[in-house]
Amino acid sequence: MTPYPHPVIAKEGWAYLAIAVIVAAVAAAFFGWWSLPLWLAALFVLQFFRDPARDVPDDPGLVVCPADGRVLVVGKERDPYLQREALKVSIFMNVFNVHSNRSPVDGALQTVTYSAGTFLNASLDKASSGNERNALHLRTDSGVDVTCVQVAGLVARRILCYVRAGDRLVRGERFGFIRFGSRVDVYLPPDARPRVAIGDKVKAGSTVLAELGAA
């Protein structure tokens, strides 16, 4: 898979931004400063779809955050996709966070599992099992299995995923996007050592989520 080049504005937002700017410009031509709310809306679209490059740690034993946002959950829970006990870490993205999703580890993509569902507030624990979601099962070169789940939220109604089973991903590589507020859950082996705590603000691709134990 060719790595996405990470332009300043995510490709998912180009059409939205163009429409917002055109509408604001037309309104400005006819109504002058009364168009200000439309320019503010265009500015919101610009900040929502920003997609900055990130410096990714080199150590292959580190798991990086797959999303920007705030840590909601760090604890032992059952991985419903691999049917095993796991260390679960959940990250909530509000509408002001970067919404590009990045691979947490280097590895081969085993499966991609989409599940339809509701659109509850993504900050609620039951969103992990009830909301629309898309789960990626990754296996590292050392044989460690990691599950990364994109979860739609109350406003988010579109999960975008650009990878499929058989693809190889590297840590920090962009694999998808979720529009307008959402959540990402990561399930790690139970012996993984968390490097974040509940309430921490994290950045995709650069913040270390956890350290993996031996396979």
N, C-alpha and C. Protein backbone atom coordinates (compact mmCIF):
# COMPACT_ATOMS: atom_id res chain seq x y z
N MET A 1 0.84 -1.19 0.00
CA MET A 1 0.00 0.00 0.00
C MET A 1 0.88 1.24 0.00
N THR A 2 0.59 2.22 -0.87
CA THR A 2 1.37 3.45 -0.93
C THR A 2 0.95 4.38 0.20
N PRO A 3 1.90 4.85 1.03
CA PRO A 3 1.54 5.74 2.13
C PRO A 3 0.88 7.01 1.62
N TYR A 4 -0.15 7.46 2.30
CA TYR A 4 -0.82 8.71 1.96
C TYR A 4 0.15 9.86 2.23
N PRO A 5 0.27 10.84 1.30
CA PRO A 5 1.31 11.87 1.45
C PRO A 5 1.03 12.94 2.49
N HIS A 6 -0.10 12.89 3.15
CA HIS A 6 -0.43 13.83 4.22
C HIS A 6 -0.35 15.30 3.80
N PRO A 7 -1.23 15.73 2.90
CA PRO A 7 -1.30 17.17 2.61
C PRO A 7 -1.82 17.92 3.83
N VAL A 8 -1.76 19.23 3.79
CA VAL A 8 -2.20 20.03 4.94
C VAL A 8 -3.68 19.78 5.23
N ILE A 9 -4.47 19.63 4.18
CA ILE A 9 -5.90 19.36 4.34
C ILE A 9 -6.18 17.94 3.83
N ALA A 10 -6.87 17.13 4.66
CA ALA A 10 -7.18 15.75 4.28
C ALA A 10 -8.02 15.72 3.01
N LYS A 11 -7.76 14.73 2.17
CA LYS A 11 -8.48 14.64 0.89
C LYS A 11 -9.99 14.52 1.09
N GLU A 12 -10.42 13.95 2.23
CA GLU A 12 -11.85 13.81 2.51
C GLU A 12 -12.55 15.16 2.63
N GLY A 13 -11.78 16.22 2.91
CA GLY A 13 -12.40 17.52 3.15
C GLY A 13 -12.33 18.49 1.99
N TRP A 14 -11.67 18.10 0.90
CA TRP A 14 -11.49 19.05 -0.21
C TRP A 14 -12.82 19.55 -0.76
N ALA A 15 -13.75 18.65 -1.01
CA ALA A 15 -15.04 19.06 -1.57
C ALA A 15 -15.82 19.93 -0.59
N TYR A 16 -15.83 19.52 0.71
CA TYR A 16 -16.54 20.30 1.72
C TYR A 16 -15.97 21.71 1.83
N LEU A 17 -14.64 21.81 1.84
CA LEU A 17 -14.01 23.12 1.97
C LEU A 17 -14.29 23.99 0.75
N ALA A 18 -14.21 23.40 -0.43
CA ALA A 18 -14.48 24.16 -1.65
C ALA A 18 -15.90 24.72 -1.65
N ILE A 19 -16.87 23.89 -1.27
CA ILE A 19 -18.25 24.33 -1.23
C ILE A 19 -18.44 25.45 -0.20
N ALA A 20 -17.83 25.28 0.98
CA ALA A 20 -17.97 26.27 2.04
C ALA A 20 -17.38 27.62 1.63
N VAL A 21 -16.22 27.60 0.99
CA VAL A 21 -15.58 28.84 0.57
C VAL A 21 -16.37 29.51 -0.56
N ILE A 22 -16.86 28.73 -1.52
CA ILE A 22 -17.63 29.29 -2.63
C ILE A 22 -18.91 29.94 -2.12
N VAL A 23 -19.62 29.24 -1.22
CA VAL A 23 -20.86 29.80 -0.67
C VAL A 23 -20.58 31.08 0.09
N ALA A 24 -19.51 31.09 0.90
CA ALA A 24 -19.17 32.29 1.67
C ALA A 24 -18.77 33.45 0.77
N ALA A 25 -18.02 33.13 -0.30
CA ALA A 25 -17.58 34.18 -1.22
C ALA A 25 -18.77 34.80 -1.97
N VAL A 26 -19.70 33.96 -2.40
CA VAL A 26 -20.89 34.46 -3.09
C VAL A 26 -21.71 35.33 -2.14
N ALA A 27 -21.87 34.86 -0.90
CA ALA A 27 -22.62 35.64 0.08
C ALA A 27 -21.94 36.98 0.36
N ALA A 28 -20.60 36.97 0.41
CA ALA A 28 -19.86 38.21 0.65
C ALA A 28 -20.07 39.21 -0.49
N ALA A 29 -20.13 38.69 -1.71
CA ALA A 29 -20.32 39.56 -2.87
C ALA A 29 -21.67 40.26 -2.84
N PHE A 30 -22.68 39.58 -2.30
CA PHE A 30 -24.03 40.14 -2.30
C PHE A 30 -24.41 40.81 -0.98
N PHE A 31 -23.86 40.30 0.13
CA PHE A 31 -24.32 40.77 1.44
C PHE A 31 -23.22 41.36 2.33
N GLY A 32 -21.99 41.41 1.82
CA GLY A 32 -20.91 42.02 2.58
C GLY A 32 -20.62 41.30 3.88
N TRP A 33 -20.52 42.07 4.97
CA TRP A 33 -20.10 41.49 6.24
C TRP A 33 -21.15 40.55 6.84
N TRP A 34 -22.38 40.56 6.30
CA TRP A 34 -23.39 39.61 6.78
C TRP A 34 -23.00 38.17 6.43
N SER A 35 -22.01 38.02 5.58
CA SER A 35 -21.53 36.68 5.22
C SER A 35 -20.58 36.10 6.27
N LEU A 36 -20.28 36.87 7.32
CA LEU A 36 -19.31 36.41 8.33
C LEU A 36 -19.62 35.02 8.89
N PRO A 37 -20.87 34.70 9.25
CA PRO A 37 -21.13 33.34 9.77
C PRO A 37 -20.73 32.24 8.78
N LEU A 38 -20.87 32.52 7.48
CA LEU A 38 -20.48 31.51 6.49
C LEU A 38 -18.96 31.37 6.41
N TRP A 39 -18.24 32.46 6.60
CA TRP A 39 -16.77 32.37 6.64
C TRP A 39 -16.32 31.61 7.88
N LEU A 40 -17.03 31.80 9.00
CA LEU A 40 -16.70 31.03 10.21
C LEU A 40 -16.96 29.55 9.99
N ALA A 41 -18.04 29.24 9.26
CA ALA A 41 -18.33 27.84 8.96
C ALA A 41 -17.23 27.25 8.09
N ALA A 42 -16.74 28.03 7.12
CA ALA A 42 -15.64 27.55 6.26
C ALA A 42 -14.38 27.34 7.08
N LEU A 43 -14.14 28.22 8.07
CA LEU A 43 -12.98 28.06 8.94
C LEU A 43 -13.08 26.79 9.77
N PHE A 44 -14.30 26.47 10.23
CA PHE A 44 -14.51 25.23 10.98
C PHE A 44 -14.20 24.01 10.11
N VAL A 45 -14.68 24.04 8.86
CA VAL A 45 -14.41 22.94 7.94
C VAL A 45 -12.90 22.79 7.73
N LEU A 46 -12.21 23.93 7.59
CA LEU A 46 -10.76 23.91 7.39
C LEU A 46 -10.05 23.25 8.56
N GLN A 47 -10.42 23.62 9.80
CA GLN A 47 -9.74 23.04 10.96
C GLN A 47 -10.12 21.59 11.16
N PHE A 48 -11.35 21.21 10.83
CA PHE A 48 -11.77 19.82 11.03
C PHE A 48 -11.00 18.87 10.13
N PHE A 49 -10.76 19.27 8.90
CA PHE A 49 -10.13 18.38 7.93
C PHE A 49 -8.61 18.58 7.82
N ARG A 50 -8.01 19.29 8.76
CA ARG A 50 -6.55 19.41 8.73
C ARG A 50 -5.93 18.04 8.96
N ASP A 51 -4.77 17.81 8.38
CA ASP A 51 -4.14 16.48 8.45
C ASP A 51 -2.62 16.64 8.56
N PRO A 52 -2.13 17.04 9.72
CA PRO A 52 -0.69 17.31 9.86
C PRO A 52 0.15 16.04 9.84
N ALA A 53 1.38 16.18 9.36
CA ALA A 53 2.33 15.06 9.43
C ALA A 53 2.73 14.85 10.88
N ARG A 54 3.15 13.65 11.22
CA ARG A 54 3.53 13.31 12.60
C ARG A 54 4.86 12.57 12.61
N ASP A 55 5.64 12.81 13.67
CA ASP A 55 6.89 12.09 13.88
C ASP A 55 6.58 10.80 14.63
N VAL A 56 6.86 9.66 14.01
CA VAL A 56 6.50 8.35 14.56
C VAL A 56 7.70 7.73 15.26
N PRO A 57 7.55 7.27 16.52
CA PRO A 57 8.65 6.61 17.23
C PRO A 57 9.18 5.40 16.45
N ASP A 58 10.49 5.15 16.56
CA ASP A 58 11.13 4.08 15.78
C ASP A 58 10.99 2.69 16.40
N ASP A 59 10.86 2.60 17.72
CA ASP A 59 10.88 1.31 18.41
C ASP A 59 9.70 0.44 17.98
N PRO A 60 9.92 -0.73 17.36
CA PRO A 60 8.82 -1.58 16.91
C PRO A 60 8.01 -2.18 18.05
N GLY A 61 8.52 -2.12 19.27
CA GLY A 61 7.77 -2.64 20.41
C GLY A 61 6.76 -1.65 20.97
N LEU A 62 6.69 -0.45 20.39
CA LEU A 62 5.77 0.56 20.87
C LEU A 62 4.50 0.58 20.03
N VAL A 63 3.39 0.81 20.70
CA VAL A 63 2.09 0.99 20.03
C VAL A 63 1.79 2.48 20.06
N VAL A 64 1.51 3.06 18.89
CA VAL A 64 1.20 4.48 18.85
C VAL A 64 -0.30 4.69 18.78
N CYS A 65 -0.74 5.88 19.16
CA CYS A 65 -2.16 6.18 19.16
C CYS A 65 -2.71 6.21 17.73
N PRO A 66 -3.85 5.60 17.49
CA PRO A 66 -4.44 5.61 16.15
C PRO A 66 -5.27 6.85 15.87
N ALA A 67 -5.47 7.69 16.89
CA ALA A 67 -6.32 8.86 16.72
C ALA A 67 -5.91 9.97 17.67
N ASP A 68 -6.21 11.19 17.29
CA ASP A 68 -6.09 12.33 18.19
C ASP A 68 -7.28 12.32 19.14
N GLY A 69 -7.11 12.92 20.31
CA GLY A 69 -8.25 13.05 21.20
C GLY A 69 -7.90 12.88 22.65
N ARG A 70 -8.87 12.40 23.42
CA ARG A 70 -8.73 12.23 24.87
C ARG A 70 -8.96 10.77 25.24
N VAL A 71 -8.11 10.24 26.12
CA VAL A 71 -8.22 8.84 26.53
C VAL A 71 -9.41 8.68 27.48
N LEU A 72 -10.31 7.76 27.11
CA LEU A 72 -11.51 7.49 27.91
C LEU A 72 -11.38 6.24 28.77
N VAL A 73 -10.70 5.23 28.25
CA VAL A 73 -10.63 3.92 28.91
C VAL A 73 -9.22 3.38 28.84
N VAL A 74 -8.71 2.88 29.97
CA VAL A 74 -7.48 2.10 30.02
C VAL A 74 -7.72 0.99 31.03
N GLY A 75 -7.86 -0.23 30.54
CA GLY A 75 -8.12 -1.31 31.48
C GLY A 75 -8.34 -2.64 30.80
N LYS A 76 -8.43 -3.69 31.61
CA LYS A 76 -8.60 -5.04 31.09
C LYS A 76 -10.07 -5.26 30.69
N GLU A 77 -10.25 -5.80 29.49
CA GLU A 77 -11.58 -6.07 28.97
C GLU A 77 -11.46 -7.15 27.90
N ARG A 78 -12.55 -7.78 27.58
CA ARG A 78 -12.52 -8.84 26.57
C ARG A 78 -12.57 -8.23 25.17
N ASP A 79 -11.68 -8.71 24.30
CA ASP A 79 -11.69 -8.30 22.91
C ASP A 79 -12.80 -9.09 22.20
N PRO A 80 -13.89 -8.43 21.76
CA PRO A 80 -15.01 -9.16 21.16
C PRO A 80 -14.71 -9.68 19.76
N TYR A 81 -13.62 -9.25 19.16
CA TYR A 81 -13.29 -9.67 17.80
C TYR A 81 -12.36 -10.88 17.79
N LEU A 82 -11.41 -10.92 18.72
CA LEU A 82 -10.50 -12.06 18.82
C LEU A 82 -10.88 -13.02 19.95
N GLN A 83 -11.94 -12.66 20.69
CA GLN A 83 -12.43 -13.51 21.76
C GLN A 83 -11.32 -13.88 22.74
N ARG A 84 -10.71 -12.87 23.33
CA ARG A 84 -9.63 -13.09 24.31
C ARG A 84 -9.63 -11.94 25.30
N GLU A 85 -8.99 -12.15 26.43
CA GLU A 85 -8.80 -11.06 27.37
C GLU A 85 -7.78 -10.09 26.79
N ALA A 86 -7.96 -8.81 27.06
CA ALA A 86 -7.11 -7.81 26.42
C ALA A 86 -6.98 -6.56 27.28
N LEU A 87 -5.98 -5.76 26.96
CA LEU A 87 -5.87 -4.41 27.49
C LEU A 87 -6.58 -3.50 26.49
N LYS A 88 -7.62 -2.83 26.95
CA LYS A 88 -8.38 -1.94 26.06
C LYS A 88 -8.02 -0.49 26.35
N VAL A 89 -7.75 0.26 25.28
CA VAL A 89 -7.55 1.70 25.40
C VAL A 89 -8.48 2.37 24.40
N SER A 90 -9.29 3.32 24.87
CA SER A 90 -10.24 4.02 24.01
C SER A 90 -9.92 5.49 23.96
N ILE A 91 -10.04 6.06 22.76
CA ILE A 91 -9.74 7.48 22.54
C ILE A 91 -10.98 8.13 21.92
N PHE A 92 -11.41 9.23 22.53
CA PHE A 92 -12.57 9.97 22.03
C PHE A 92 -12.10 11.18 21.23
N MET A 93 -12.63 11.32 20.01
CA MET A 93 -12.32 12.47 19.16
C MET A 93 -13.52 13.42 19.13
N ASN A 94 -13.31 14.67 19.57
CA ASN A 94 -14.39 15.64 19.41
C ASN A 94 -14.24 16.35 18.07
N VAL A 95 -15.13 17.27 17.76
CA VAL A 95 -15.15 17.88 16.43
C VAL A 95 -13.95 18.79 16.19
N PHE A 96 -13.16 19.08 17.23
CA PHE A 96 -12.00 19.94 17.06
C PHE A 96 -10.70 19.15 16.93
N ASN A 97 -10.76 17.83 17.03
CA ASN A 97 -9.58 17.00 16.87
C ASN A 97 -9.34 16.65 15.40
N VAL A 98 -8.08 16.29 15.09
CA VAL A 98 -7.77 15.75 13.77
C VAL A 98 -8.43 14.37 13.68
N HIS A 99 -9.07 14.08 12.56
CA HIS A 99 -9.85 12.85 12.45
C HIS A 99 -9.24 11.78 11.54
N SER A 100 -8.00 11.97 11.11
CA SER A 100 -7.30 10.91 10.39
C SER A 100 -7.00 9.78 11.36
N ASN A 101 -7.17 8.54 10.91
CA ASN A 101 -6.84 7.37 11.73
C ASN A 101 -5.58 6.72 11.20
N ARG A 102 -4.68 6.33 12.11
CA ARG A 102 -3.37 5.79 11.74
C ARG A 102 -3.13 4.43 12.40
N SER A 103 -2.36 3.61 11.73
CA SER A 103 -2.09 2.28 12.26
C SER A 103 -1.30 2.37 13.56
N PRO A 104 -1.71 1.62 14.59
CA PRO A 104 -0.99 1.66 15.87
C PRO A 104 0.30 0.85 15.87
N VAL A 105 0.45 -0.10 14.94
CA VAL A 105 1.63 -0.99 14.91
C VAL A 105 2.04 -1.27 13.47
N ASP A 106 3.27 -1.81 13.33
CA ASP A 106 3.68 -2.40 12.06
C ASP A 106 3.08 -3.80 11.99
N GLY A 107 2.45 -4.13 10.88
CA GLY A 107 1.91 -5.48 10.81
C GLY A 107 1.08 -5.74 9.57
N ALA A 108 0.71 -7.01 9.41
CA ALA A 108 -0.13 -7.43 8.29
C ALA A 108 -1.58 -7.41 8.73
N LEU A 109 -2.44 -6.88 7.87
CA LEU A 109 -3.85 -6.79 8.18
C LEU A 109 -4.52 -8.14 7.90
N GLN A 110 -5.02 -8.76 8.96
CA GLN A 110 -5.63 -10.09 8.84
C GLN A 110 -7.07 -10.02 8.36
N THR A 111 -7.87 -9.16 9.00
CA THR A 111 -9.28 -9.03 8.65
C THR A 111 -9.73 -7.59 8.86
N VAL A 112 -10.78 -7.22 8.13
CA VAL A 112 -11.49 -5.96 8.35
C VAL A 112 -12.95 -6.32 8.55
N THR A 113 -13.52 -6.00 9.72
CA THR A 113 -14.88 -6.41 10.06
C THR A 113 -15.76 -5.19 10.30
N TYR A 114 -16.72 -4.98 9.41
CA TYR A 114 -17.65 -3.85 9.56
C TYR A 114 -18.92 -4.32 10.25
N SER A 115 -19.43 -3.51 11.19
CA SER A 115 -20.68 -3.82 11.88
C SER A 115 -21.58 -2.59 11.85
N ALA A 116 -22.80 -2.75 11.35
CA ALA A 116 -23.77 -1.66 11.39
C ALA A 116 -24.22 -1.46 12.83
N GLY A 117 -24.75 -0.29 13.13
CA GLY A 117 -25.20 -0.04 14.49
C GLY A 117 -25.84 1.32 14.64
N THR A 118 -25.97 1.76 15.88
CA THR A 118 -26.61 3.03 16.19
C THR A 118 -25.56 4.14 16.16
N PHE A 119 -25.96 5.34 16.59
CA PHE A 119 -25.06 6.49 16.62
C PHE A 119 -25.18 7.20 17.96
N LEU A 120 -24.84 6.45 19.03
CA LEU A 120 -24.84 7.02 20.37
C LEU A 120 -23.64 7.94 20.53
N ASN A 121 -23.67 8.76 21.58
CA ASN A 121 -22.51 9.59 21.90
C ASN A 121 -21.29 8.67 22.05
N ALA A 122 -20.22 8.96 21.31
CA ALA A 122 -19.05 8.08 21.29
C ALA A 122 -18.29 8.06 22.61
N SER A 123 -18.58 8.98 23.51
CA SER A 123 -17.90 8.98 24.80
C SER A 123 -18.49 7.95 25.76
N LEU A 124 -19.62 7.36 25.41
CA LEU A 124 -20.26 6.35 26.26
C LEU A 124 -19.63 4.98 26.02
N ASP A 125 -19.45 4.19 27.08
CA ASP A 125 -18.83 2.87 26.95
C ASP A 125 -19.63 1.96 26.01
N LYS A 126 -20.97 2.07 26.05
CA LYS A 126 -21.78 1.17 25.23
C LYS A 126 -21.67 1.48 23.73
N ALA A 127 -21.04 2.60 23.39
CA ALA A 127 -20.83 2.90 21.97
C ALA A 127 -19.90 1.87 21.34
N SER A 128 -18.99 1.29 22.12
CA SER A 128 -18.04 0.30 21.59
C SER A 128 -18.74 -0.91 21.01
N SER A 129 -19.88 -1.29 21.57
CA SER A 129 -20.58 -2.49 21.13
C SER A 129 -21.86 -2.18 20.38
N GLY A 130 -22.40 -0.94 20.54
CA GLY A 130 -23.68 -0.63 19.93
C GLY A 130 -23.62 0.21 18.68
N ASN A 131 -22.59 1.02 18.55
CA ASN A 131 -22.53 1.94 17.42
C ASN A 131 -21.99 1.29 16.15
N GLU A 132 -22.20 1.95 15.02
CA GLU A 132 -21.57 1.52 13.78
C GLU A 132 -20.06 1.52 13.98
N ARG A 133 -19.36 0.48 13.49
CA ARG A 133 -17.94 0.37 13.78
C ARG A 133 -17.24 -0.47 12.70
N ASN A 134 -15.94 -0.33 12.67
CA ASN A 134 -15.12 -1.04 11.69
C ASN A 134 -13.84 -1.49 12.39
N ALA A 135 -13.62 -2.81 12.47
CA ALA A 135 -12.52 -3.36 13.24
C ALA A 135 -11.42 -3.91 12.33
N LEU A 136 -10.18 -3.51 12.63
CA LEU A 136 -9.01 -4.01 11.91
C LEU A 136 -8.22 -4.93 12.83
N HIS A 137 -7.98 -6.16 12.37
CA HIS A 137 -7.15 -7.10 13.12
C HIS A 137 -5.77 -7.11 12.47
N LEU A 138 -4.77 -6.63 13.21
CA LEU A 138 -3.39 -6.56 12.74
C LEU A 138 -2.53 -7.58 13.46
N ARG A 139 -1.57 -8.15 12.75
CA ARG A 139 -0.60 -9.07 13.36
C ARG A 139 0.80 -8.57 13.07
N THR A 140 1.56 -8.33 14.13
CA THR A 140 2.92 -7.81 13.97
C THR A 140 3.85 -8.92 13.48
N ASP A 141 5.06 -8.53 13.07
CA ASP A 141 6.04 -9.51 12.59
C ASP A 141 6.43 -10.50 13.68
N SER A 142 6.31 -10.08 14.93
CA SER A 142 6.63 -10.98 16.04
C SER A 142 5.44 -11.82 16.48
N GLY A 143 4.33 -11.71 15.76
CA GLY A 143 3.18 -12.56 16.04
C GLY A 143 2.19 -12.02 17.06
N VAL A 144 2.27 -10.74 17.39
CA VAL A 144 1.35 -10.14 18.35
C VAL A 144 0.11 -9.63 17.62
N ASP A 145 -1.06 -9.98 18.15
CA ASP A 145 -2.32 -9.55 17.54
C ASP A 145 -2.84 -8.28 18.21
N VAL A 146 -3.27 -7.33 17.39
CA VAL A 146 -3.80 -6.05 17.85
C VAL A 146 -5.08 -5.76 17.09
N THR A 147 -6.11 -5.32 17.80
CA THR A 147 -7.37 -4.95 17.16
C THR A 147 -7.58 -3.44 17.31
N CYS A 148 -7.85 -2.79 16.20
CA CYS A 148 -8.08 -1.35 16.19
C CYS A 148 -9.47 -1.11 15.59
N VAL A 149 -10.35 -0.44 16.36
CA VAL A 149 -11.75 -0.33 15.96
C VAL A 149 -12.15 1.14 15.79
N GLN A 150 -12.59 1.49 14.59
CA GLN A 150 -13.17 2.81 14.33
C GLN A 150 -14.63 2.76 14.74
N VAL A 151 -15.07 3.71 15.57
CA VAL A 151 -16.45 3.72 16.08
C VAL A 151 -17.09 5.06 15.73
N ALA A 152 -18.23 5.02 15.05
CA ALA A 152 -18.96 6.24 14.73
C ALA A 152 -19.58 6.81 16.00
N GLY A 153 -19.85 8.12 15.99
CA GLY A 153 -20.43 8.76 17.16
C GLY A 153 -21.80 9.34 16.90
N LEU A 154 -22.20 10.27 17.76
CA LEU A 154 -23.53 10.88 17.68
C LEU A 154 -23.69 11.68 16.40
N VAL A 155 -22.63 12.41 16.02
CA VAL A 155 -22.67 13.25 14.82
C VAL A 155 -22.02 12.54 13.65
N ALA A 156 -20.96 11.77 13.94
CA ALA A 156 -20.25 11.05 12.86
C ALA A 156 -21.17 10.03 12.21
N ARG A 157 -21.32 10.11 10.91
CA ARG A 157 -22.18 9.16 10.21
C ARG A 157 -21.44 8.52 9.04
N ARG A 158 -20.12 8.61 9.05
CA ARG A 158 -19.38 8.03 7.94
C ARG A 158 -18.01 7.57 8.40
N ILE A 159 -17.80 6.26 8.44
CA ILE A 159 -16.50 5.68 8.71
C ILE A 159 -15.84 5.37 7.37
N LEU A 160 -14.63 5.88 7.17
CA LEU A 160 -13.90 5.63 5.94
C LEU A 160 -12.68 4.77 6.25
N CYS A 161 -12.50 3.70 5.51
CA CYS A 161 -11.36 2.80 5.70
C CYS A 161 -10.81 2.45 4.32
N TYR A 162 -9.49 2.64 4.14
CA TYR A 162 -8.89 2.49 2.83
C TYR A 162 -7.99 1.25 2.71
N VAL A 163 -8.07 0.35 3.66
CA VAL A 163 -7.22 -0.84 3.64
C VAL A 163 -8.09 -2.09 3.64
N ARG A 164 -7.48 -3.21 3.29
CA ARG A 164 -8.21 -4.46 3.26
C ARG A 164 -7.29 -5.59 3.69
N ALA A 165 -7.87 -6.74 3.99
CA ALA A 165 -7.10 -7.90 4.43
C ALA A 165 -5.98 -8.20 3.44
N GLY A 166 -4.79 -8.45 3.98
CA GLY A 166 -3.63 -8.72 3.15
C GLY A 166 -2.70 -7.54 3.01
N ASP A 167 -3.20 -6.32 3.27
CA ASP A 167 -2.34 -5.14 3.22
C ASP A 167 -1.37 -5.15 4.39
N ARG A 168 -0.23 -4.51 4.19
CA ARG A 168 0.73 -4.34 5.27
C ARG A 168 0.76 -2.86 5.66
N LEU A 169 0.66 -2.60 6.95
CA LEU A 169 0.68 -1.24 7.45
C LEU A 169 1.90 -1.02 8.33
N VAL A 170 2.34 0.22 8.38
CA VAL A 170 3.43 0.60 9.28
C VAL A 170 2.88 1.57 10.31
N ARG A 171 3.51 1.60 11.47
CA ARG A 171 3.06 2.49 12.54
C ARG A 171 2.95 3.93 12.04
N GLY A 172 1.83 4.55 12.34
CA GLY A 172 1.62 5.94 11.95
C GLY A 172 1.09 6.12 10.55
N GLU A 173 0.94 5.02 9.79
CA GLU A 173 0.42 5.12 8.43
C GLU A 173 -1.08 5.38 8.46
N ARG A 174 -1.52 6.28 7.67
CA ARG A 174 -2.93 6.66 7.62
C ARG A 174 -3.73 5.54 6.94
N PHE A 175 -4.81 5.08 7.60
CA PHE A 175 -5.62 4.01 6.99
C PHE A 175 -7.08 4.40 6.85
N GLY A 176 -7.50 5.51 7.47
CA GLY A 176 -8.92 5.85 7.38
C GLY A 176 -9.22 7.20 7.99
N PHE A 177 -10.51 7.50 8.08
CA PHE A 177 -10.98 8.80 8.54
C PHE A 177 -12.40 8.60 9.07
N ILE A 178 -12.77 9.35 10.11
CA ILE A 178 -14.15 9.34 10.60
C ILE A 178 -14.63 10.78 10.64
N ARG A 179 -15.78 11.04 10.04
CA ARG A 179 -16.25 12.41 9.95
C ARG A 179 -17.08 12.84 11.17
N PHE A 180 -16.67 13.94 11.78
CA PHE A 180 -17.46 14.70 12.75
C PHE A 180 -17.70 14.01 14.10
N GLY A 181 -16.63 13.76 14.85
CA GLY A 181 -16.75 13.29 16.23
C GLY A 181 -16.93 11.79 16.33
N SER A 182 -16.05 11.11 17.05
CA SER A 182 -16.09 9.66 17.04
C SER A 182 -15.15 9.09 18.09
N ARG A 183 -14.79 7.80 17.91
CA ARG A 183 -14.00 7.09 18.92
C ARG A 183 -13.20 5.99 18.23
N VAL A 184 -12.04 5.67 18.81
CA VAL A 184 -11.26 4.53 18.35
C VAL A 184 -10.88 3.68 19.57
N ASP A 185 -11.17 2.38 19.49
CA ASP A 185 -10.81 1.44 20.55
C ASP A 185 -9.64 0.59 20.07
N VAL A 186 -8.68 0.35 20.96
CA VAL A 186 -7.56 -0.53 20.65
C VAL A 186 -7.53 -1.65 21.68
N TYR A 187 -7.49 -2.89 21.21
CA TYR A 187 -7.38 -4.05 22.08
C TYR A 187 -6.00 -4.66 21.90
N LEU A 188 -5.25 -4.74 23.00
CA LEU A 188 -3.88 -5.25 22.99
C LEU A 188 -3.79 -6.51 23.85
N PRO A 189 -2.72 -7.31 23.69
CA PRO A 189 -2.54 -8.45 24.59
C PRO A 189 -2.55 -7.97 26.05
N PRO A 190 -3.05 -8.81 26.97
CA PRO A 190 -3.19 -8.38 28.37
C PRO A 190 -1.87 -8.04 29.05
N ASP A 191 -0.72 -8.51 28.50
CA ASP A 191 0.57 -8.19 29.12
C ASP A 191 1.17 -6.89 28.57
N ALA A 192 0.46 -6.21 27.68
CA ALA A 192 0.94 -4.92 27.17
C ALA A 192 0.93 -3.91 28.32
N ARG A 193 1.91 -3.01 28.30
CA ARG A 193 2.05 -2.02 29.37
C ARG A 193 1.57 -0.66 28.87
N PRO A 194 0.48 -0.15 29.45
CA PRO A 194 -0.05 1.13 28.97
C PRO A 194 0.91 2.28 29.28
N ARG A 195 0.98 3.24 28.37
CA ARG A 195 1.80 4.44 28.56
C ARG A 195 0.94 5.71 28.60
N VAL A 196 -0.38 5.52 28.66
CA VAL A 196 -1.29 6.65 28.79
C VAL A 196 -2.24 6.36 29.94
N ALA A 197 -2.92 7.41 30.39
CA ALA A 197 -3.90 7.27 31.47
C ALA A 197 -5.18 7.97 31.06
N ILE A 198 -6.28 7.63 31.75
CA ILE A 198 -7.57 8.24 31.46
C ILE A 198 -7.46 9.76 31.61
N GLY A 199 -7.97 10.46 30.62
CA GLY A 199 -7.93 11.92 30.63
C GLY A 199 -6.80 12.52 29.84
N ASP A 200 -5.78 11.71 29.48
CA ASP A 200 -4.66 12.22 28.70
C ASP A 200 -5.12 12.66 27.31
N LYS A 201 -4.51 13.74 26.82
CA LYS A 201 -4.73 14.16 25.44
C LYS A 201 -3.61 13.57 24.60
N VAL A 202 -3.98 12.95 23.49
CA VAL A 202 -3.01 12.20 22.68
C VAL A 202 -3.08 12.62 21.22
N LYS A 203 -2.01 12.29 20.48
CA LYS A 203 -1.95 12.60 19.05
C LYS A 203 -1.67 11.33 18.26
N ALA A 204 -2.39 11.16 17.18
CA ALA A 204 -2.24 9.97 16.35
C ALA A 204 -0.85 9.90 15.75
N GLY A 205 -0.26 8.72 15.83
CA GLY A 205 1.03 8.47 15.19
C GLY A 205 2.24 8.87 15.99
N SER A 206 2.09 9.80 16.95
CA SER A 206 3.25 10.27 17.69
C SER A 206 3.20 9.93 19.18
N THR A 207 2.02 9.95 19.79
CA THR A 207 1.91 9.61 21.21
C THR A 207 1.99 8.09 21.37
N VAL A 208 2.82 7.62 22.30
CA VAL A 208 2.94 6.18 22.57
C VAL A 208 1.78 5.73 23.44
N LEU A 209 1.02 4.77 22.96
CA LEU A 209 -0.15 4.25 23.67
C LEU A 209 0.25 3.19 24.69
N ALA A 210 1.15 2.28 24.27
CA ALA A 210 1.54 1.16 25.13
C ALA A 210 2.82 0.52 24.61
N GLU A 211 3.39 -0.35 25.45
CA GLU A 211 4.52 -1.18 25.04
C GLU A 211 4.06 -2.62 24.97
N LEU A 212 4.44 -3.31 23.92
CA LEU A 212 4.07 -4.71 23.77
C LEU A 212 5.03 -5.60 24.51
N GLY A 213 4.51 -6.69 25.07
CA GLY A 213 5.36 -7.69 25.68
C GLY A 213 5.85 -8.65 24.60
N ALA A 214 6.52 -9.70 24.99
CA ALA A 214 6.99 -10.71 24.03
C ALA A 214 5.81 -11.48 23.49
N ALA A 215 5.90 -11.90 22.24
CA ALA A 215 4.81 -12.66 21.62
C ALA A 215 4.69 -14.03 22.26
